[in-house]
């Protein structure tokens, strides 16, 4: 008798970005080259904790995928069923 279900491990990876914005008062005669150098300098100087996540930027990462290997003994947290061409994912209680 064939099994009615199987286990699959789904891995979701996201590419997002963090940003830091600051307004600086600089000499009026700074050239574009100097401003680019200033940007590079500030990149090196600003503490990573000063950055905040840009919630508008959200892309699917290359690590998204699935596998069905080595899942013996694993307990699923959700159950999937088909409904009108879509997948319905529900939590498994207990």
PDB file of N, CA and C in Angstrom:
ATOM      1  N   UNK A   1       0.844  -1.189   0.000  1.00  0.00           N
ATOM      2  CA  UNK A   1       0.000   0.000   0.000  1.00  0.00           C
ATOM      3  C   UNK A   1       0.886   1.248   0.000  1.00  0.00           C
ATOM      4  N   UNK A   2       0.628   2.167  -0.878  1.00  0.00           N
ATOM      5  CA  UNK A   2       1.430   3.381  -1.007  1.00  0.00           C
ATOM      6  C   UNK A   2       1.126   4.351   0.138  1.00  0.00           C
ATOM      7  N   UNK A   3       2.159   5.079   0.575  1.00  0.00           N
ATOM      8  CA  UNK A   3       1.984   6.087   1.616  1.00  0.00           C
ATOM      9  C   UNK A   3       1.134   7.230   1.076  1.00  0.00           C
ATOM     10  N   UNK A   4       0.337   7.814   1.947  1.00  0.00           N
ATOM     11  CA  UNK A   4      -0.502   8.942   1.550  1.00  0.00           C
ATOM     12  C   UNK A   4       0.214  10.282   1.696  1.00  0.00           C
ATOM     13  N   UNK A   5       1.243  10.320   2.541  1.00  0.00           N
ATOM     14  CA  UNK A   5       1.990  11.562   2.745  1.00  0.00           C
ATOM     15  C   UNK A   5       3.484  11.256   2.818  1.00  0.00           C
ATOM     16  N   UNK A   6       4.284  12.298   2.720  1.00  0.00           N
ATOM     17  CA  UNK A   6       5.731  12.193   2.912  1.00  0.00           C
ATOM     18  C   UNK A   6       6.203  13.483   3.560  1.00  0.00           C
ATOM     19  N   UNK A   7       7.382  13.451   4.114  1.00  0.00           N
ATOM     20  CA  UNK A   7       7.956  14.642   4.725  1.00  0.00           C
ATOM     21  C   UNK A   7       8.866  15.348   3.735  1.00  0.00           C
ATOM     22  N   UNK A   8       8.850  16.660   3.785  1.00  0.00           N
ATOM     23  CA  UNK A   8       9.734  17.472   2.960  1.00  0.00           C
ATOM     24  C   UNK A   8      10.244  18.627   3.825  1.00  0.00           C
ATOM     25  N   UNK A   9      11.508  18.940   3.690  1.00  0.00           N
ATOM     26  CA  UNK A   9      12.095  20.079   4.396  1.00  0.00           C
ATOM     27  C   UNK A   9      12.133  21.247   3.411  1.00  0.00           C
ATOM     28  N   UNK A  10      11.499  22.344   3.782  1.00  0.00           N
ATOM     29  CA  UNK A  10      11.483  23.549   2.948  1.00  0.00           C
ATOM     30  C   UNK A  10      12.370  24.591   3.618  1.00  0.00           C
ATOM     31  N   UNK A  11      13.319  25.123   2.878  1.00  0.00           N
ATOM     32  CA  UNK A  11      14.207  26.173   3.376  1.00  0.00           C
ATOM     33  C   UNK A  11      13.890  27.457   2.637  1.00  0.00           C
ATOM     34  N   UNK A  12      13.647  28.524   3.385  1.00  0.00           N
ATOM     35  CA  UNK A  12      13.341  29.825   2.794  1.00  0.00           C
ATOM     36  C   UNK A  12      14.461  30.797   3.135  1.00  0.00           C
ATOM     37  N   UNK A  13      15.046  31.372   2.119  1.00  0.00           N
ATOM     38  CA  UNK A  13      16.093  32.370   2.310  1.00  0.00           C
ATOM     39  C   UNK A  13      15.646  33.696   1.736  1.00  0.00           C
ATOM     40  N   UNK A  14      15.973  34.747   2.431  1.00  0.00           N
ATOM     41  CA  UNK A  14      15.565  36.089   2.010  1.00  0.00           C
ATOM     42  C   UNK A  14      16.788  36.987   1.929  1.00  0.00           C
ATOM     43  N   UNK A  15      16.824  37.777   0.894  1.00  0.00           N
ATOM     44  CA  UNK A  15      17.826  38.838   0.781  1.00  0.00           C
ATOM     45  C   UNK A  15      17.133  40.134   1.169  1.00  0.00           C
ATOM     46  N   UNK A  16      17.662  40.772   2.158  1.00  0.00           N
ATOM     47  CA  UNK A  16      17.122  42.047   2.598  1.00  0.00           C
ATOM     48  C   UNK A  16      18.296  43.007   2.739  1.00  0.00           C
ATOM     49  N   UNK A  17      18.054  44.210   3.094  1.00  0.00           N
ATOM     50  CA  UNK A  17      19.179  45.130   3.277  1.00  0.00           C
ATOM     51  C   UNK A  17      18.937  45.981   4.506  1.00  0.00           C
ATOM     52  N   UNK A  18      20.027  46.460   5.033  1.00  0.00           N
ATOM     53  CA  UNK A  18      19.966  47.424   6.122  1.00  0.00           C
ATOM     54  C   UNK A  18      20.585  48.719   5.607  1.00  0.00           C
ATOM     55  N   UNK A  19      20.102  49.815   6.145  1.00  0.00           N
ATOM     56  CA  UNK A  19      20.565  51.122   5.689  1.00  0.00           C
ATOM     57  C   UNK A  19      20.812  52.042   6.878  1.00  0.00           C
ATOM     58  N   UNK A  20      21.671  52.981   6.646  1.00  0.00           N
ATOM     59  CA  UNK A  20      21.892  54.070   7.606  1.00  0.00           C
ATOM     60  C   UNK A  20      21.888  55.348   6.794  1.00  0.00           C
ATOM     61  N   UNK A  21      21.126  56.317   7.231  1.00  0.00           N
ATOM     62  CA  UNK A  21      21.062  57.616   6.550  1.00  0.00           C
ATOM     63  C   UNK A  21      21.414  58.703   7.550  1.00  0.00           C
ATOM     64  N   UNK A  22      22.228  59.636   7.114  1.00  0.00           N
ATOM     65  CA  UNK A  22      22.570  60.775   7.952  1.00  0.00           C
ATOM     66  C   UNK A  22      22.679  62.013   7.063  1.00  0.00           C
ATOM     67  N   UNK A  23      22.382  63.159   7.628  1.00  0.00           N
ATOM     68  CA  UNK A  23      22.504  64.431   6.922  1.00  0.00           C
ATOM     69  C   UNK A  23      23.746  65.115   7.460  1.00  0.00           C
ATOM     70  N   UNK A  24      24.676  65.441   6.567  1.00  0.00           N
ATOM     71  CA  UNK A  24      25.944  66.040   6.959  1.00  0.00           C
ATOM     72  C   UNK A  24      26.061  67.439   6.374  1.00  0.00           C
ATOM     73  N   UNK A  25      26.591  68.341   7.138  1.00  0.00           N
ATOM     74  CA  UNK A  25      26.901  69.677   6.639  1.00  0.00           C
ATOM     75  C   UNK A  25      28.348  69.630   6.161  1.00  0.00           C
ATOM     76  N   UNK A  26      28.542  69.929   4.873  1.00  0.00           N
ATOM     77  CA  UNK A  26      29.870  69.821   4.263  1.00  0.00           C
ATOM     78  C   UNK A  26      30.231  71.146   3.597  1.00  0.00           C
ATOM     79  N   UNK A  27      31.520  71.361   3.322  1.00  0.00           N
ATOM     80  CA  UNK A  27      31.906  72.580   2.605  1.00  0.00           C
ATOM     81  C   UNK A  27      31.200  72.662   1.241  1.00  0.00           C
ATOM     82  N   UNK A  28      30.748  73.853   0.888  1.00  0.00           N
ATOM     83  CA  UNK A  28      29.982  74.050  -0.341  1.00  0.00           C
ATOM     84  C   UNK A  28      30.769  73.693  -1.591  1.00  0.00           C
ATOM     85  N   UNK A  29      32.091  73.725  -1.512  1.00  0.00           N
ATOM     86  CA  UNK A  29      32.882  73.458  -2.714  1.00  0.00           C
ATOM     87  C   UNK A  29      33.377  72.014  -2.811  1.00  0.00           C
ATOM     88  N   UNK A  30      32.811  71.108  -2.007  1.00  0.00           N
ATOM     89  CA  UNK A  30      33.228  69.697  -2.097  1.00  0.00           C
ATOM     90  C   UNK A  30      32.851  69.147  -3.466  1.00  0.00           C
ATOM     91  N   UNK A  31      33.788  68.461  -4.077  1.00  0.00           N
ATOM     92  CA  UNK A  31      33.559  67.876  -5.404  1.00  0.00           C
ATOM     93  C   UNK A  31      32.833  66.538  -5.260  1.00  0.00           C
ATOM     94  N   UNK A  32      32.301  66.056  -6.379  1.00  0.00           N
ATOM     95  CA  UNK A  32      31.652  64.737  -6.382  1.00  0.00           C
ATOM     96  C   UNK A  32      32.634  63.651  -5.944  1.00  0.00           C
ATOM     97  N   UNK A  33      33.880  63.764  -6.378  1.00  0.00           N
ATOM     98  CA  UNK A  33      34.894  62.784  -5.993  1.00  0.00           C
ATOM     99  C   UNK A  33      35.121  62.799  -4.482  1.00  0.00           C
ATOM    100  N   UNK A  34      35.157  64.007  -3.901  1.00  0.00           N
ATOM    101  CA  UNK A  34      35.321  64.119  -2.457  1.00  0.00           C
ATOM    102  C   UNK A  34      34.104  63.554  -1.721  1.00  0.00           C
ATOM    103  N   UNK A  35      32.917  63.815  -2.265  1.00  0.00           N
ATOM    104  CA  UNK A  35      31.704  63.285  -1.642  1.00  0.00           C
ATOM    105  C   UNK A  35      31.684  61.758  -1.687  1.00  0.00           C
ATOM    106  N   UNK A  36      32.129  61.179  -2.801  1.00  0.00           N
ATOM    107  CA  UNK A  36      32.227  59.715  -2.890  1.00  0.00           C
ATOM    108  C   UNK A  36      33.232  59.191  -1.866  1.00  0.00           C
ATOM    109  N   UNK A  37      34.337  59.885  -1.695  1.00  0.00           N
ATOM    110  CA  UNK A  37      35.336  59.492  -0.697  1.00  0.00           C
ATOM    111  C   UNK A  37      34.757  59.604   0.706  1.00  0.00           C
ATOM    112  N   UNK A  38      33.947  60.630   0.934  1.00  0.00           N
ATOM    113  CA  UNK A  38      33.289  60.796   2.229  1.00  0.00           C
ATOM    114  C   UNK A  38      32.334  59.633   2.495  1.00  0.00           C
ATOM    115  N   UNK A  39      31.573  59.242   1.470  1.00  0.00           N
ATOM    116  CA  UNK A  39      30.662  58.095   1.613  1.00  0.00           C
ATOM    117  C   UNK A  39      31.455  56.849   2.003  1.00  0.00           C
ATOM    118  N   UNK A  40      32.557  56.602   1.334  1.00  0.00           N
ATOM    119  CA  UNK A  40      33.397  55.437   1.652  1.00  0.00           C
ATOM    120  C   UNK A  40      33.924  55.511   3.085  1.00  0.00           C
ATOM    121  N   UNK A  41      34.358  56.694   3.479  1.00  0.00           N
ATOM    122  CA  UNK A  41      34.868  56.871   4.841  1.00  0.00           C
ATOM    123  C   UNK A  41      33.776  56.612   5.870  1.00  0.00           C
ATOM    124  N   UNK A  42      32.581  57.179   5.631  1.00  0.00           N
ATOM    125  CA  UNK A  42      31.475  57.001   6.576  1.00  0.00           C
ATOM    126  C   UNK A  42      31.055  55.534   6.639  1.00  0.00           C
ATOM    127  N   UNK A  43      31.122  54.841   5.520  1.00  0.00           N
ATOM    128  CA  UNK A  43      30.795  53.412   5.511  1.00  0.00           C
ATOM    129  C   UNK A  43      31.707  52.659   6.474  1.00  0.00           C
ATOM    130  N   UNK A  44      32.968  53.011   6.468  1.00  0.00           N
ATOM    131  CA  UNK A  44      33.931  52.351   7.352  1.00  0.00           C
ATOM    132  C   UNK A  44      33.780  52.780   8.814  1.00  0.00           C
ATOM    133  N   UNK A  45      33.288  53.995   9.049  1.00  0.00           N
ATOM    134  CA  UNK A  45      33.235  54.548  10.397  1.00  0.00           C
ATOM    135  C   UNK A  45      31.954  54.233  11.168  1.00  0.00           C
ATOM    136  N   UNK A  46      30.837  54.153  10.478  1.00  0.00           N
ATOM    137  CA  UNK A  46      29.548  54.041  11.165  1.00  0.00           C
ATOM    138  C   UNK A  46      29.392  52.645  11.778  1.00  0.00           C
ATOM    139  N   UNK A  47      29.000  52.625  13.033  1.00  0.00           N
ATOM    140  CA  UNK A  47      28.791  51.377  13.763  1.00  0.00           C
ATOM    141  C   UNK A  47      27.650  50.588  13.117  1.00  0.00           C
ATOM    142  N   UNK A  48      27.825  49.282  12.924  1.00  0.00           N
ATOM    143  CA  UNK A  48      26.764  48.470  12.325  1.00  0.00           C
ATOM    144  C   UNK A  48      25.437  48.549  13.085  1.00  0.00           C
ATOM    145  N   UNK A  49      25.480  48.815  14.379  1.00  0.00           N
ATOM    146  CA  UNK A  49      24.243  48.937  15.153  1.00  0.00           C
ATOM    147  C   UNK A  49      23.432  50.172  14.774  1.00  0.00           C
ATOM    148  N   UNK A  50      24.033  51.112  14.046  1.00  0.00           N
ATOM    149  CA  UNK A  50      23.326  52.321  13.628  1.00  0.00           C
ATOM    150  C   UNK A  50      22.438  52.070  12.410  1.00  0.00           C
ATOM    151  N   UNK A  51      22.574  50.902  11.816  1.00  0.00           N
ATOM    152  CA  UNK A  51      21.792  50.573  10.624  1.00  0.00           C
ATOM    153  C   UNK A  51      20.428  50.024  11.018  1.00  0.00           C
ATOM    154  N   UNK A  52      19.437  50.262  10.175  1.00  0.00           N
ATOM    155  CA  UNK A  52      18.105  49.695  10.395  1.00  0.00           C
ATOM    156  C   UNK A  52      17.659  48.987   9.122  1.00  0.00           C
ATOM    157  N   UNK A  53      16.785  48.002   9.324  1.00  0.00           N
ATOM    158  CA  UNK A  53      16.344  47.195   8.193  1.00  0.00           C
ATOM    159  C   UNK A  53      15.418  47.981   7.281  1.00  0.00           C
ATOM    160  N   UNK A  54      15.645  47.828   5.994  1.00  0.00           N
ATOM    161  CA  UNK A  54      14.784  48.416   4.968  1.00  0.00           C
ATOM    162  C   UNK A  54      13.709  47.375   4.655  1.00  0.00           C
ATOM    163  N   UNK A  55      12.521  47.553   5.239  1.00  0.00           N
ATOM    164  CA  UNK A  55      11.456  46.562   5.084  1.00  0.00           C
ATOM    165  C   UNK A  55      10.840  46.555   3.683  1.00  0.00           C
ATOM    166  N   UNK A  56      11.133  47.555   2.875  1.00  0.00           N
ATOM    167  CA  UNK A  56      10.595  47.592   1.513  1.00  0.00           C
ATOM    168  C   UNK A  56      11.388  46.701   0.566  1.00  0.00           C
ATOM    169  N   UNK A  57      12.628  46.376   0.938  1.00  0.00           N
ATOM    170  CA  UNK A  57      13.481  45.541   0.084  1.00  0.00           C
ATOM    171  C   UNK A  57      13.416  44.115   0.602  1.00  0.00           C
ATOM    172  N   UNK A  58      12.878  43.205  -0.201  1.00  0.00           N
ATOM    173  CA  UNK A  58      12.677  41.819   0.216  1.00  0.00           C
ATOM    174  C   UNK A  58      12.704  40.965  -1.033  1.00  0.00           C
ATOM    175  N   UNK A  59      13.737  40.177  -1.190  1.00  0.00           N
ATOM    176  CA  UNK A  59      13.862  39.332  -2.375  1.00  0.00           C
ATOM    177  C   UNK A  59      14.088  37.883  -1.977  1.00  0.00           C
ATOM    178  N   UNK A  60      13.594  36.999  -2.798  1.00  0.00           N
ATOM    179  CA  UNK A  60      13.794  35.561  -2.586  1.00  0.00           C
ATOM    180  C   UNK A  60      15.272  35.238  -2.760  1.00  0.00           C
ATOM    181  N   UNK A  61      15.842  34.550  -1.780  1.00  0.00           N
ATOM    182  CA  UNK A  61      17.251  34.192  -1.833  1.00  0.00           C
ATOM    183  C   UNK A  61      17.493  32.901  -2.587  1.00  0.00           C
ATOM    184  N   UNK A  62      18.744  32.680  -2.957  1.00  0.00           N
ATOM    185  CA  UNK A  62      19.110  31.480  -3.697  1.00  0.00           C
ATOM    186  C   UNK A  62      18.984  30.216  -2.865  1.00  0.00           C
ATOM    187  N   UNK A  63      18.932  30.353  -1.547  1.00  0.00           N
ATOM    188  CA  UNK A  63      18.858  29.173  -0.696  1.00  0.00           C
ATOM    189  C   UNK A  63      17.441  28.606  -0.566  1.00  0.00           C
ATOM    190  N   UNK A  64      16.451  29.238  -1.195  1.00  0.00           N
ATOM    191  CA  UNK A  64      15.089  28.705  -1.150  1.00  0.00           C
ATOM    192  C   UNK A  64      15.048  27.377  -1.895  1.00  0.00           C
ATOM    193  N   UNK A  65      14.424  26.412  -1.285  1.00  0.00           N
ATOM    194  CA  UNK A  65      14.301  25.125  -1.948  1.00  0.00           C
ATOM    195  C   UNK A  65      13.737  24.075  -1.013  1.00  0.00           C
ATOM    196  N   UNK A  66      13.849  22.820  -1.425  1.00  0.00           N
ATOM    197  CA  UNK A  66      13.331  21.728  -0.623  1.00  0.00           C
ATOM    198  C   UNK A  66      14.244  20.524  -0.746  1.00  0.00           C
ATOM    199  N   UNK A  67      14.111  19.625   0.231  1.00  0.00           N
ATOM    200  CA  UNK A  67      14.757  18.321   0.119  1.00  0.00           C
ATOM    201  C   UNK A  67      13.929  17.312   0.887  1.00  0.00           C
ATOM    202  N   UNK A  68      14.100  16.070   0.536  1.00  0.00           N
ATOM    203  CA  UNK A  68      13.354  14.988   1.175  1.00  0.00           C
ATOM    204  C   UNK A  68      14.300  13.964   1.791  1.00  0.00           C
ATOM    205  N   UNK A  69      15.561  14.327   1.930  1.00  0.00           N
ATOM    206  CA  UNK A  69      16.586  13.417   2.447  1.00  0.00           C
ATOM    207  C   UNK A  69      16.656  13.478   3.971  1.00  0.00           C
ATOM    208  N   UNK A  70      16.965  12.348   4.575  1.00  0.00           N
ATOM    209  CA  UNK A  70      17.276  12.260   6.014  1.00  0.00           C
ATOM    210  C   UNK A  70      16.218  12.886   6.917  1.00  0.00           C
ATOM    211  N   UNK A  71      14.959  12.594   6.661  1.00  0.00           N
ATOM    212  CA  UNK A  71      13.889  13.154   7.491  1.00  0.00           C
ATOM    213  C   UNK A  71      13.250  12.117   8.404  1.00  0.00           C
ATOM    214  N   UNK A  72      13.782  10.913   8.414  1.00  0.00           N
ATOM    215  CA  UNK A  72      13.233   9.873   9.278  1.00  0.00           C
ATOM    216  C   UNK A  72      13.333  10.326  10.733  1.00  0.00           C
ATOM    217  N   UNK A  73      12.229  10.223  11.444  1.00  0.00           N
ATOM    218  CA  UNK A  73      12.191  10.628  12.843  1.00  0.00           C
ATOM    219  C   UNK A  73      11.843  12.091  13.060  1.00  0.00           C
ATOM    220  N   UNK A  74      11.832  12.882  12.002  1.00  0.00           N
ATOM    221  CA  UNK A  74      11.468  14.305  12.125  1.00  0.00           C
ATOM    222  C   UNK A  74       9.965  14.431  12.334  1.00  0.00           C
ATOM    223  N   UNK A  75       9.567  15.427  13.099  1.00  0.00           N
ATOM    224  CA  UNK A  75       8.148  15.687  13.342  1.00  0.00           C
ATOM    225  C   UNK A  75       7.721  16.934  12.576  1.00  0.00           C
ATOM    226  N   UNK A  76       6.747  16.807  11.684  1.00  0.00           N
ATOM    227  CA  UNK A  76       6.306  17.985  10.925  1.00  0.00           C
ATOM    228  C   UNK A  76       5.553  18.965  11.823  1.00  0.00           C
ATOM    229  N   UNK A  77       5.687  20.244  11.514  1.00  0.00           N
ATOM    230  CA  UNK A  77       4.980  21.283  12.271  1.00  0.00           C
ATOM    231  C   UNK A  77       3.732  21.763  11.542  1.00  0.00           C
ATOM    232  N   UNK A  78       3.675  21.462  10.232  1.00  0.00           N
ATOM    233  CA  UNK A  78       2.546  21.910   9.430  1.00  0.00           C
ATOM    234  C   UNK A  78       2.159  20.834   8.424  1.00  0.00           C
ATOM    235  N   UNK A  79       0.914  20.887   7.994  1.00  0.00           N
ATOM    236  CA  UNK A  79       0.385  19.931   7.026  1.00  0.00           C
ATOM    237  C   UNK A  79      -0.068  20.704   5.788  1.00  0.00           C
ATOM    238  N   UNK A  80       0.167  20.131   4.634  1.00  0.00           N
ATOM    239  CA  UNK A  80      -0.194  20.778   3.367  1.00  0.00           C
ATOM    240  C   UNK A  80      -1.240  19.931   2.654  1.00  0.00           C
ATOM    241  N   UNK A  81      -2.245  20.617   2.119  1.00  0.00           N
ATOM    242  CA  UNK A  81      -3.216  19.939   1.264  1.00  0.00           C
ATOM    243  C   UNK A  81      -3.471  20.809   0.052  1.00  0.00           C
ATOM    244  N   UNK A  82      -3.939  20.160  -0.992  1.00  0.00           N
ATOM    245  CA  UNK A  82      -4.281  20.884  -2.230  1.00  0.00           C
ATOM    246  C   UNK A  82      -5.734  21.322  -2.168  1.00  0.00           C
ATOM    247  N   UNK A  83      -5.982  22.537  -2.677  1.00  0.00           N
ATOM    248  CA  UNK A  83      -7.354  23.032  -2.748  1.00  0.00           C
ATOM    249  C   UNK A  83      -7.461  23.981  -3.937  1.00  0.00           C
ATOM    250  N   UNK A  84      -8.166  23.547  -4.943  1.00  0.00           N
ATOM    251  CA  UNK A  84      -8.421  24.368  -6.137  1.00  0.00           C
ATOM    252  C   UNK A  84      -7.144  24.944  -6.728  1.00  0.00           C
ATOM    253  N   UNK A  85      -6.131  24.116  -6.906  1.00  0.00           N
ATOM    254  CA  UNK A  85      -4.895  24.537  -7.550  1.00  0.00           C
ATOM    255  C   UNK A  85      -3.924  25.292  -6.657  1.00  0.00           C
ATOM    256  N   UNK A  86      -4.249  25.429  -5.390  1.00  0.00           N
ATOM    257  CA  UNK A  86      -3.358  26.099  -4.451  1.00  0.00           C
ATOM    258  C   UNK A  86      -3.003  25.148  -3.323  1.00  0.00           C
ATOM    259  N   UNK A  87      -2.050  25.540  -2.511  1.00  0.00           N
ATOM    260  CA  UNK A  87      -1.655  24.746  -1.354  1.00  0.00           C
ATOM    261  C   UNK A  87      -2.131  25.447  -0.096  1.00  0.00           C
ATOM    262  N   UNK A  88      -2.771  24.680   0.768  1.00  0.00           N
ATOM    263  CA  UNK A  88      -3.244  25.200   2.043  1.00  0.00           C
ATOM    264  C   UNK A  88      -2.353  24.601   3.125  1.00  0.00           C
ATOM    265  N   UNK A  89      -1.677  25.470   3.887  1.00  0.00           N
ATOM    266  CA  UNK A  89      -0.753  25.056   4.934  1.00  0.00           C
ATOM    267  C   UNK A  89      -1.396  25.348   6.279  1.00  0.00           C
ATOM    268  N   UNK A  90      -1.511  24.319   7.102  1.00  0.00           N
ATOM    269  CA  UNK A  90      -2.115  24.493   8.426  1.00  0.00           C
ATOM    270  C   UNK A  90      -1.186  23.888   9.486  1.00  0.00           C
ATOM    271  N   UNK A  91      -1.240  24.463  10.663  1.00  0.00           N
ATOM    272  CA  UNK A  91      -0.426  23.976  11.776  1.00  0.00           C
ATOM    273  C   UNK A  91      -0.968  22.631  12.239  1.00  0.00           C
ATOM    274  N   UNK A  92      -0.044  21.771  12.665  1.00  0.00           N
ATOM    275  CA  UNK A  92      -0.425  20.498  13.255  1.00  0.00           C
ATOM    276  C   UNK A  92      -0.486  20.709  14.758  1.00  0.00           C
ATOM    277  N   UNK A  93      -1.665  20.536  15.313  1.00  0.00           N
ATOM    278  CA  UNK A  93      -1.860  20.758  16.748  1.00  0.00           C
ATOM    279  C   UNK A  93      -1.280  19.597  17.536  1.00  0.00           C
ATOM    280  N   UNK A  94      -0.739  19.943  18.689  1.00  0.00           N
ATOM    281  CA  UNK A  94      -0.264  18.886  19.577  1.00  0.00           C
ATOM    282  C   UNK A  94       1.160  18.827  19.621  1.00  0.00           C
TER     283      UNK A  94
END
